[in-house]
Amino acid sequence: MSIRNLRKERVGIVTSTSMTKSIVVAIEQKKKHEKYGKFVKQTNKFVAHDEKQECAVGDTVKIMETRPLSKTKNWRLVEILDKAK
């Protein structure tokens, strides 16, 4: 198994494209509260590298972990799964 296959992949929705060659992807999870058992929504935001600047706000995308590209950017765009309408 190669090292590339060990990298994490996430699917989320683009929330911002205001930076050059960068996008912000929000990934929503539902976790069960340990004590009360209620399912709680948790949103994590990742800054990802978009080399061709082809994403728009609302697109569903797949991102992959990569080497640090800047202070906050450790992810890169793999593919656009669904374009926003």
PDB file of N, CA and C in Angstrom:
ATOM      1  N   MET A   1       0.847  -1.179   0.000  1.00  0.00           N
ATOM      2  CA  MET A   1       0.000   0.000   0.000  1.00  0.00           C
ATOM      3  C   MET A   1       0.893   1.242   0.000  1.00  0.00           C
ATOM      4  N   SER A   2       0.668   2.122  -0.937  1.00  0.00           N
ATOM      5  CA  SER A   2       1.507   3.314  -1.040  1.00  0.00           C
ATOM      6  C   SER A   2       1.074   4.371  -0.025  1.00  0.00           C
ATOM      7  N   ILE A   3       1.962   5.320   0.207  1.00  0.00           N
ATOM      8  CA  ILE A   3       1.682   6.389   1.165  1.00  0.00           C
ATOM      9  C   ILE A   3       0.527   7.261   0.681  1.00  0.00           C
ATOM     10  N   ARG A   4       0.399   7.451  -0.622  1.00  0.00           N
ATOM     11  CA  ARG A   4      -0.674   8.290  -1.159  1.00  0.00           C
ATOM     12  C   ARG A   4      -2.050   7.734  -0.780  1.00  0.00           C
ATOM     13  N   ASN A   5      -2.170   6.417  -0.693  1.00  0.00           N
ATOM     14  CA  ASN A   5      -3.458   5.819  -0.344  1.00  0.00           C
ATOM     15  C   ASN A   5      -3.813   6.013   1.126  1.00  0.00           C
ATOM     16  N   LEU A   6      -2.838   6.361   1.962  1.00  0.00           N
ATOM     17  CA  LEU A   6      -3.096   6.556   3.380  1.00  0.00           C
ATOM     18  C   LEU A   6      -3.600   7.959   3.693  1.00  0.00           C
ATOM     19  N   ARG A   7      -3.594   8.856   2.722  1.00  0.00           N
ATOM     20  CA  ARG A   7      -4.043  10.228   2.955  1.00  0.00           C
ATOM     21  C   ARG A   7      -5.550  10.279   3.147  1.00  0.00           C
ATOM     22  N   LYS A   8      -5.981  11.171   4.026  1.00  0.00           N
ATOM     23  CA  LYS A   8      -7.409  11.298   4.312  1.00  0.00           C
ATOM     24  C   LYS A   8      -8.118  12.004   3.165  1.00  0.00           C
ATOM     25  N   GLU A   9      -9.346  11.603   2.927  1.00  0.00           N
ATOM     26  CA  GLU A   9     -10.198  12.259   1.933  1.00  0.00           C
ATOM     27  C   GLU A   9     -11.495  12.661   2.614  1.00  0.00           C
ATOM     28  N   ARG A  10     -12.024  13.807   2.226  1.00  0.00           N
ATOM     29  CA  ARG A  10     -13.272  14.309   2.791  1.00  0.00           C
ATOM     30  C   ARG A  10     -14.158  14.832   1.661  1.00  0.00           C
ATOM     31  N   VAL A  11     -15.465  14.794   1.879  1.00  0.00           N
ATOM     32  CA  VAL A  11     -16.432  15.358   0.943  1.00  0.00           C
ATOM     33  C   VAL A  11     -17.193  16.447   1.679  1.00  0.00           C
ATOM     34  N   GLY A  12     -17.263  17.638   1.062  1.00  0.00           N
ATOM     35  CA  GLY A  12     -17.943  18.755   1.702  1.00  0.00           C
ATOM     36  C   GLY A  12     -18.450  19.766   0.701  1.00  0.00           C
ATOM     37  N   ILE A  13     -18.963  20.871   1.224  1.00  0.00           N
ATOM     38  CA  ILE A  13     -19.554  21.922   0.396  1.00  0.00           C
ATOM     39  C   ILE A  13     -18.685  23.166   0.485  1.00  0.00           C
ATOM     40  N   VAL A  14     -18.423  23.791  -0.664  1.00  0.00           N
ATOM     41  CA  VAL A  14     -17.603  24.998  -0.717  1.00  0.00           C
ATOM     42  C   VAL A  14     -18.400  26.163  -0.131  1.00  0.00           C
ATOM     43  N   THR A  15     -17.796  26.862   0.850  1.00  0.00           N
ATOM     44  CA  THR A  15     -18.469  27.995   1.479  1.00  0.00           C
ATOM     45  C   THR A  15     -17.843  29.330   1.102  1.00  0.00           C
ATOM     46  N   SER A  16     -16.589  29.317   0.608  1.00  0.00           N
ATOM     47  CA  SER A  16     -15.929  30.570   0.249  1.00  0.00           C
ATOM     48  C   SER A  16     -14.894  30.327  -0.837  1.00  0.00           C
ATOM     49  N   THR A  17     -14.832  31.271  -1.798  1.00  0.00           N
ATOM     50  CA  THR A  17     -13.818  31.216  -2.859  1.00  0.00           C
ATOM     51  C   THR A  17     -13.127  32.568  -2.995  1.00  0.00           C
ATOM     52  N   SER A  18     -13.155  33.373  -1.934  1.00  0.00           N
ATOM     53  CA  SER A  18     -12.660  34.745  -2.035  1.00  0.00           C
ATOM     54  C   SER A  18     -11.140  34.847  -2.115  1.00  0.00           C
ATOM     55  N   MET A  19     -10.418  33.792  -1.733  1.00  0.00           N
ATOM     56  CA  MET A  19      -8.957  33.812  -1.793  1.00  0.00           C
ATOM     57  C   MET A  19      -8.482  33.268  -3.133  1.00  0.00           C
ATOM     58  N   THR A  20      -7.353  33.754  -3.610  1.00  0.00           N
ATOM     59  CA  THR A  20      -6.804  33.281  -4.871  1.00  0.00           C
ATOM     60  C   THR A  20      -6.290  31.855  -4.708  1.00  0.00           C
ATOM     61  N   LYS A  21      -6.750  30.948  -5.564  1.00  0.00           N
ATOM     62  CA  LYS A  21      -6.350  29.541  -5.588  1.00  0.00           C
ATOM     63  C   LYS A  21      -6.623  28.806  -4.283  1.00  0.00           C
ATOM     64  N   SER A  22      -7.578  29.307  -3.503  1.00  0.00           N
ATOM     65  CA  SER A  22      -7.949  28.644  -2.253  1.00  0.00           C
ATOM     66  C   SER A  22      -9.464  28.621  -2.110  1.00  0.00           C
ATOM     67  N   ILE A  23      -9.949  27.578  -1.458  1.00  0.00           N
ATOM     68  CA  ILE A  23     -11.372  27.462  -1.164  1.00  0.00           C
ATOM     69  C   ILE A  23     -11.529  27.044   0.295  1.00  0.00           C
ATOM     70  N   VAL A  24     -12.679  27.367   0.873  1.00  0.00           N
ATOM     71  CA  VAL A  24     -13.014  26.895   2.210  1.00  0.00           C
ATOM     72  C   VAL A  24     -14.131  25.871   2.047  1.00  0.00           C
ATOM     73  N   VAL A  25     -13.902  24.671   2.591  1.00  0.00           N
ATOM     74  CA  VAL A  25     -14.856  23.576   2.465  1.00  0.00           C
ATOM     75  C   VAL A  25     -15.408  23.252   3.849  1.00  0.00           C
ATOM     76  N   ALA A  26     -16.729  23.251   3.982  1.00  0.00           N
ATOM     77  CA  ALA A  26     -17.388  22.909   5.242  1.00  0.00           C
ATOM     78  C   ALA A  26     -17.835  21.453   5.184  1.00  0.00           C
ATOM     79  N   ILE A  27     -17.453  20.709   6.212  1.00  0.00           N
ATOM     80  CA  ILE A  27     -17.807  19.297   6.295  1.00  0.00           C
ATOM     81  C   ILE A  27     -18.660  19.107   7.540  1.00  0.00           C
ATOM     82  N   GLU A  28     -19.881  18.608   7.334  1.00  0.00           N
ATOM     83  CA  GLU A  28     -20.835  18.461   8.427  1.00  0.00           C
ATOM     84  C   GLU A  28     -20.897  17.006   8.870  1.00  0.00           C
ATOM     85  N   GLN A  29     -20.811  16.805  10.186  1.00  0.00           N
ATOM     86  CA  GLN A  29     -20.903  15.464  10.755  1.00  0.00           C
ATOM     87  C   GLN A  29     -22.011  15.454  11.795  1.00  0.00           C
ATOM     88  N   LYS A  30     -22.594  14.296  12.011  1.00  0.00           N
ATOM     89  CA  LYS A  30     -23.543  14.130  13.106  1.00  0.00           C
ATOM     90  C   LYS A  30     -22.906  13.178  14.107  1.00  0.00           C
ATOM     91  N   LYS A  31     -22.725  13.675  15.342  1.00  0.00           N
ATOM     92  CA  LYS A  31     -22.130  12.865  16.394  1.00  0.00           C
ATOM     93  C   LYS A  31     -23.130  12.708  17.531  1.00  0.00           C
ATOM     94  N   LYS A  32     -23.059  11.577  18.185  1.00  0.00           N
ATOM     95  CA  LYS A  32     -23.941  11.319  19.308  1.00  0.00           C
ATOM     96  C   LYS A  32     -23.302  11.858  20.585  1.00  0.00           C
ATOM     97  N   HIS A  33     -24.068  12.634  21.346  1.00  0.00           N
ATOM     98  CA  HIS A  33     -23.579  13.171  22.614  1.00  0.00           C
ATOM     99  C   HIS A  33     -23.367  12.006  23.583  1.00  0.00           C
ATOM    100  N   GLU A  34     -22.199  11.983  24.235  1.00  0.00           N
ATOM    101  CA  GLU A  34     -21.859  10.845  25.088  1.00  0.00           C
ATOM    102  C   GLU A  34     -22.830  10.663  26.249  1.00  0.00           C
ATOM    103  N   LYS A  35     -23.174  11.755  26.912  1.00  0.00           N
ATOM    104  CA  LYS A  35     -24.000  11.649  28.114  1.00  0.00           C
ATOM    105  C   LYS A  35     -25.491  11.574  27.802  1.00  0.00           C
ATOM    106  N   TYR A  36     -25.960  12.431  26.890  1.00  0.00           N
ATOM    107  CA  TYR A  36     -27.397  12.565  26.667  1.00  0.00           C
ATOM    108  C   TYR A  36     -27.925  11.779  25.473  1.00  0.00           C
ATOM    109  N   GLY A  37     -27.052  11.325  24.591  1.00  0.00           N
ATOM    110  CA  GLY A  37     -27.483  10.487  23.487  1.00  0.00           C
ATOM    111  C   GLY A  37     -28.087  11.228  22.311  1.00  0.00           C
ATOM    112  N   LYS A  38     -28.181  12.551  22.389  1.00  0.00           N
ATOM    113  CA  LYS A  38     -28.750  13.331  21.290  1.00  0.00           C
ATOM    114  C   LYS A  38     -27.718  13.469  20.176  1.00  0.00           C
ATOM    115  N   PHE A  39     -28.183  13.413  18.941  1.00  0.00           N
ATOM    116  CA  PHE A  39     -27.289  13.621  17.805  1.00  0.00           C
ATOM    117  C   PHE A  39     -27.110  15.118  17.571  1.00  0.00           C
ATOM    118  N   VAL A  40     -25.846  15.541  17.522  1.00  0.00           N
ATOM    119  CA  VAL A  40     -25.500  16.950  17.401  1.00  0.00           C
ATOM    120  C   VAL A  40     -24.739  17.149  16.103  1.00  0.00           C
ATOM    121  N   LYS A  41     -25.086  18.210  15.359  1.00  0.00           N
ATOM    122  CA  LYS A  41     -24.360  18.540  14.129  1.00  0.00           C
ATOM    123  C   LYS A  41     -23.058  19.235  14.476  1.00  0.00           C
ATOM    124  N   GLN A  42     -21.985  18.820  13.815  1.00  0.00           N
ATOM    125  CA  GLN A  42     -20.687  19.463  14.001  1.00  0.00           C
ATOM    126  C   GLN A  42     -20.152  19.821  12.623  1.00  0.00           C
ATOM    127  N   THR A  43     -19.725  21.076  12.444  1.00  0.00           N
ATOM    128  CA  THR A  43     -19.201  21.531  11.162  1.00  0.00           C
ATOM    129  C   THR A  43     -17.729  21.871  11.310  1.00  0.00           C
ATOM    130  N   ASN A  44     -16.904  21.269  10.461  1.00  0.00           N
ATOM    131  CA  ASN A  44     -15.482  21.590  10.413  1.00  0.00           C
ATOM    132  C   ASN A  44     -15.201  22.281   9.092  1.00  0.00           C
ATOM    133  N   LYS A  45     -14.348  23.310   9.125  1.00  0.00           N
ATOM    134  CA  LYS A  45     -13.985  24.031   7.908  1.00  0.00           C
ATOM    135  C   LYS A  45     -12.524  23.775   7.589  1.00  0.00           C
ATOM    136  N   PHE A  46     -12.257  23.434   6.333  1.00  0.00           N
ATOM    137  CA  PHE A  46     -10.904  23.181   5.863  1.00  0.00           C
ATOM    138  C   PHE A  46     -10.591  24.125   4.715  1.00  0.00           C
ATOM    139  N   VAL A  47      -9.379  24.675   4.708  1.00  0.00           N
ATOM    140  CA  VAL A  47      -8.912  25.495   3.593  1.00  0.00           C
ATOM    141  C   VAL A  47      -8.186  24.561   2.639  1.00  0.00           C
ATOM    142  N   ALA A  48      -8.590  24.561   1.373  1.00  0.00           N
ATOM    143  CA  ALA A  48      -8.023  23.650   0.381  1.00  0.00           C
ATOM    144  C   ALA A  48      -7.484  24.430  -0.814  1.00  0.00           C
ATOM    145  N   HIS A  49      -6.532  23.815  -1.517  1.00  0.00           N
ATOM    146  CA  HIS A  49      -5.891  24.435  -2.673  1.00  0.00           C
ATOM    147  C   HIS A  49      -6.678  24.091  -3.937  1.00  0.00           C
ATOM    148  N   ASP A  50      -7.068  25.113  -4.687  1.00  0.00           N
ATOM    149  CA  ASP A  50      -7.796  24.950  -5.952  1.00  0.00           C
ATOM    150  C   ASP A  50      -6.948  25.594  -7.047  1.00  0.00           C
ATOM    151  N   GLU A  51      -6.074  24.814  -7.660  1.00  0.00           N
ATOM    152  CA  GLU A  51      -5.085  25.336  -8.615  1.00  0.00           C
ATOM    153  C   GLU A  51      -5.730  26.041  -9.806  1.00  0.00           C
ATOM    154  N   LYS A  52      -6.789  25.459 -10.363  1.00  0.00           N
ATOM    155  CA  LYS A  52      -7.402  26.010 -11.583  1.00  0.00           C
ATOM    156  C   LYS A  52      -8.520  27.005 -11.292  1.00  0.00           C
ATOM    157  N   GLN A  53      -8.830  27.226 -10.041  1.00  0.00           N
ATOM    158  CA  GLN A  53      -9.892  28.144  -9.623  1.00  0.00           C
ATOM    159  C   GLN A  53     -11.215  27.828 -10.321  1.00  0.00           C
ATOM    160  N   GLU A  54     -11.602  26.556 -10.277  1.00  0.00           N
ATOM    161  CA  GLU A  54     -12.806  26.122 -10.984  1.00  0.00           C
ATOM    162  C   GLU A  54     -14.012  25.929 -10.066  1.00  0.00           C
ATOM    163  N   CYS A  55     -13.847  26.092  -8.763  1.00  0.00           N
ATOM    164  CA  CYS A  55     -14.958  25.901  -7.823  1.00  0.00           C
ATOM    165  C   CYS A  55     -15.777  27.171  -7.655  1.00  0.00           C
ATOM    166  N   ALA A  56     -17.035  26.973  -7.286  1.00  0.00           N
ATOM    167  CA  ALA A  56     -17.932  28.079  -6.947  1.00  0.00           C
ATOM    168  C   ALA A  56     -18.586  27.760  -5.605  1.00  0.00           C
ATOM    169  N   VAL A  57     -19.112  28.773  -4.959  1.00  0.00           N
ATOM    170  CA  VAL A  57     -19.774  28.570  -3.670  1.00  0.00           C
ATOM    171  C   VAL A  57     -20.985  27.663  -3.863  1.00  0.00           C
ATOM    172  N   GLY A  58     -21.109  26.649  -3.022  1.00  0.00           N
ATOM    173  CA  GLY A  58     -22.221  25.709  -3.106  1.00  0.00           C
ATOM    174  C   GLY A  58     -21.875  24.399  -3.782  1.00  0.00           C
ATOM    175  N   ASP A  59     -20.706  24.303  -4.418  1.00  0.00           N
ATOM    176  CA  ASP A  59     -20.290  23.056  -5.065  1.00  0.00           C
ATOM    177  C   ASP A  59     -19.988  21.988  -4.014  1.00  0.00           C
ATOM    178  N   THR A  60     -20.299  20.738  -4.346  1.00  0.00           N
ATOM    179  CA  THR A  60     -19.901  19.610  -3.518  1.00  0.00           C
ATOM    180  C   THR A  60     -18.591  19.076  -4.078  1.00  0.00           C
ATOM    181  N   VAL A  61     -17.560  19.007  -3.231  1.00  0.00           N
ATOM    182  CA  VAL A  61     -16.221  18.658  -3.698  1.00  0.00           C
ATOM    183  C   VAL A  61     -15.606  17.572  -2.828  1.00  0.00           C
ATOM    184  N   LYS A  62     -14.592  16.912  -3.398  1.00  0.00           N
ATOM    185  CA  LYS A  62     -13.784  15.951  -2.650  1.00  0.00           C
ATOM    186  C   LYS A  62     -12.398  16.556  -2.483  1.00  0.00           C
ATOM    187  N   ILE A  63     -11.889  16.567  -1.243  1.00  0.00           N
ATOM    188  CA  ILE A  63     -10.558  17.100  -0.976  1.00  0.00           C
ATOM    189  C   ILE A  63      -9.692  16.004  -0.362  1.00  0.00           C
ATOM    190  N   MET A  64      -8.373  16.145  -0.543  1.00  0.00           N
ATOM    191  CA  MET A  64      -7.429  15.160  -0.033  1.00  0.00           C
ATOM    192  C   MET A  64      -6.342  15.860   0.772  1.00  0.00           C
ATOM    193  N   GLU A  65      -5.892  15.207   1.817  1.00  0.00           N
ATOM    194  CA  GLU A  65      -4.822  15.747   2.644  1.00  0.00           C
ATOM    195  C   GLU A  65      -3.521  15.794   1.841  1.00  0.00           C
ATOM    196  N   THR A  66      -2.718  16.832   2.075  1.00  0.00           N
ATOM    197  CA  THR A  66      -1.453  16.987   1.359  1.00  0.00           C
ATOM    198  C   THR A  66      -0.441  17.653   2.282  1.00  0.00           C
ATOM    199  N   ARG A  67       0.730  17.921   1.769  1.00  0.00           N
ATOM    200  CA  ARG A  67       1.755  18.596   2.578  1.00  0.00           C
ATOM    201  C   ARG A  67       1.289  20.013   2.888  1.00  0.00           C
ATOM    202  N   PRO A  68       1.819  20.645   3.924  1.00  0.00           N
ATOM    203  CA  PRO A  68       1.419  22.022   4.224  1.00  0.00           C
ATOM    204  C   PRO A  68       1.780  22.973   3.081  1.00  0.00           C
ATOM    205  N   LEU A  69       0.769  23.674   2.565  1.00  0.00           N
ATOM    206  CA  LEU A  69       0.976  24.634   1.484  1.00  0.00           C
ATOM    207  C   LEU A  69       1.053  26.057   2.021  1.00  0.00           C
ATOM    208  N   SER A  70       0.514  26.288   3.203  1.00  0.00           N
ATOM    209  CA  SER A  70       0.602  27.585   3.881  1.00  0.00           C
ATOM    210  C   SER A  70       0.297  27.334   5.358  1.00  0.00           C
ATOM    211  N   LYS A  71       0.079  28.396   6.101  1.00  0.00           N
ATOM    212  CA  LYS A  71      -0.172  28.259   7.540  1.00  0.00           C
ATOM    213  C   LYS A  71      -1.412  27.414   7.841  1.00  0.00           C
ATOM    214  N   THR A  72      -2.465  27.588   7.060  1.00  0.00           N
ATOM    215  CA  THR A  72      -3.723  26.879   7.325  1.00  0.00           C
ATOM    216  C   THR A  72      -4.116  25.894   6.234  1.00  0.00           C
ATOM    217  N   LYS A  73      -3.385  25.849   5.136  1.00  0.00           N
ATOM    218  CA  LYS A  73      -3.801  25.050   3.974  1.00  0.00           C
ATOM    219  C   LYS A  73      -3.024  23.734   3.909  1.00  0.00           C
ATOM    220  N   ASN A  74      -3.712  22.622   4.273  1.00  0.00           N
ATOM    221  CA  ASN A  74      -3.122  21.289   4.234  1.00  0.00           C
ATOM    222  C   ASN A  74      -3.940  20.324   3.381  1.00  0.00           C
ATOM    223  N   TRP A  75      -4.848  20.838   2.577  1.00  0.00           N
ATOM    224  CA  TRP A  75      -5.738  20.018   1.760  1.00  0.00           C
ATOM    225  C   TRP A  75      -5.699  20.525   0.329  1.00  0.00           C
ATOM    226  N   ARG A  76      -6.024  19.640  -0.624  1.00  0.00           N
ATOM    227  CA  ARG A  76      -6.099  20.047  -2.019  1.00  0.00           C
ATOM    228  C   ARG A  76      -7.355  19.459  -2.646  1.00  0.00           C
ATOM    229  N   LEU A  77      -7.839  20.142  -3.663  1.00  0.00           N
ATOM    230  CA  LEU A  77      -9.045  19.715  -4.367  1.00  0.00           C
ATOM    231  C   LEU A  77      -8.730  18.509  -5.239  1.00  0.00           C
ATOM    232  N   VAL A  78      -9.540  17.461  -5.125  1.00  0.00           N
ATOM    233  CA  VAL A  78      -9.378  16.271  -5.961  1.00  0.00           C
ATOM    234  C   VAL A  78     -10.331  16.343  -7.142  1.00  0.00           C
ATOM    235  N   GLU A  79     -11.628  16.557  -6.842  1.00  0.00           N
ATOM    236  CA  GLU A  79     -12.620  16.644  -7.911  1.00  0.00           C
ATOM    237  C   GLU A  79     -13.868  17.361  -7.418  1.00  0.00           C
ATOM    238  N   ILE A  80     -14.611  17.875  -8.385  1.00  0.00           N
ATOM    239  CA  ILE A  80     -15.906  18.490  -8.093  1.00  0.00           C
ATOM    240  C   ILE A  80     -16.964  17.426  -8.354  1.00  0.00           C
ATOM    241  N   LEU A  81     -17.690  17.054  -7.318  1.00  0.00           N
ATOM    242  CA  LEU A  81     -18.689  15.996  -7.446  1.00  0.00           C
ATOM    243  C   LEU A  81     -20.012  16.520  -7.992  1.00  0.00           C
ATOM    244  N   ASP A  82     -20.396  17.736  -7.575  1.00  0.00           N
ATOM    245  CA  ASP A  82     -21.685  18.288  -7.995  1.00  0.00           C
ATOM    246  C   ASP A  82     -21.580  19.807  -8.038  1.00  0.00           C
ATOM    247  N   LYS A  83     -21.933  20.395  -9.175  1.00  0.00           N
ATOM    248  CA  LYS A  83     -21.892  21.846  -9.326  1.00  0.00           C
ATOM    249  C   LYS A  83     -23.117  22.476  -8.674  1.00  0.00           C
ATOM    250  N   ALA A  84     -22.940  23.683  -8.132  1.00  0.00           N
ATOM    251  CA  ALA A  84     -24.061  24.425  -7.547  1.00  0.00           C
ATOM    252  C   ALA A  84     -24.985  24.913  -8.656  1.00  0.00           C
ATOM    253  N   LYS A  85     -26.256  25.032  -8.336  1.00  0.00           N
ATOM    254  CA  LYS A  85     -27.221  25.460  -9.349  1.00  0.00           C
ATOM    255  C   LYS A  85     -27.406  26.941  -9.335  1.00  0.00           C
TER     256      LYS A  85
END
